[in-house]
Amino acid sequence: MDFQALENDSILLQPLQTVDYDRLFQAASDPAIWAQHPDSHRYQPAGFAVYFGKLMETDCPFLIIDKTYQSVIGATSYYQYDASKSQVAIGFTFLAKSYWGGTVNRLVKSLLIDYAFQYVDNIVFHVREKNFRSQAALAKLGAVKIDEYPAPADPSTIQYEYAISKANWQQG
């Protein structure tokens, strides 16, 4: 895959850089964003630093920018790209609470999915068992739960794996 910035009329996915730390932390500093996440302290400096470090280690992390206001509203990433399996994962995603429940998640995921399907046949998403908001968002996209297993980072919790295949994707 050729990782690059992606955009539509409303959203810009700009490759994340270390200099973006403060702008992204500002968008992430609401405790409600992380309430259903296993690391519910990501709104605090220490918790966010861990998240940011993991995000920067992915294949292609992005800032999510609202083009109307030129403001950072979240982050997302491609990770676990595997050309031999024709597969990539999308995740590490969060949106500022003011963008929940509307069309932004669909716009972001459609950009990522439409672009990825130029290179791969399958896209996976990993979600913890108690992250009901993300599970519902994936269902709206047409992703199907294909597996569940102890989470690699915390075997005391269950991680679900969802997938969308190129053949089943209804473009954004």
Foldseek 3Di string as FASTA:
>chain_A
DDDAWWDDPWKIWHFDDPVCLVLQLVLLLDLVQQVQPPLSCCNDPVNVVVLVVVQVPFPTKTFIAGVVVRGGFWIKGWHPDDLVQLEIEIGSTTGRPVPPPDCVVVRVVLRVVVVSVVRGFKYKYKDWPRPVSVVVVCVVQVWDWDDKAQDPVGSVTIITMTMDGPVRGDHD
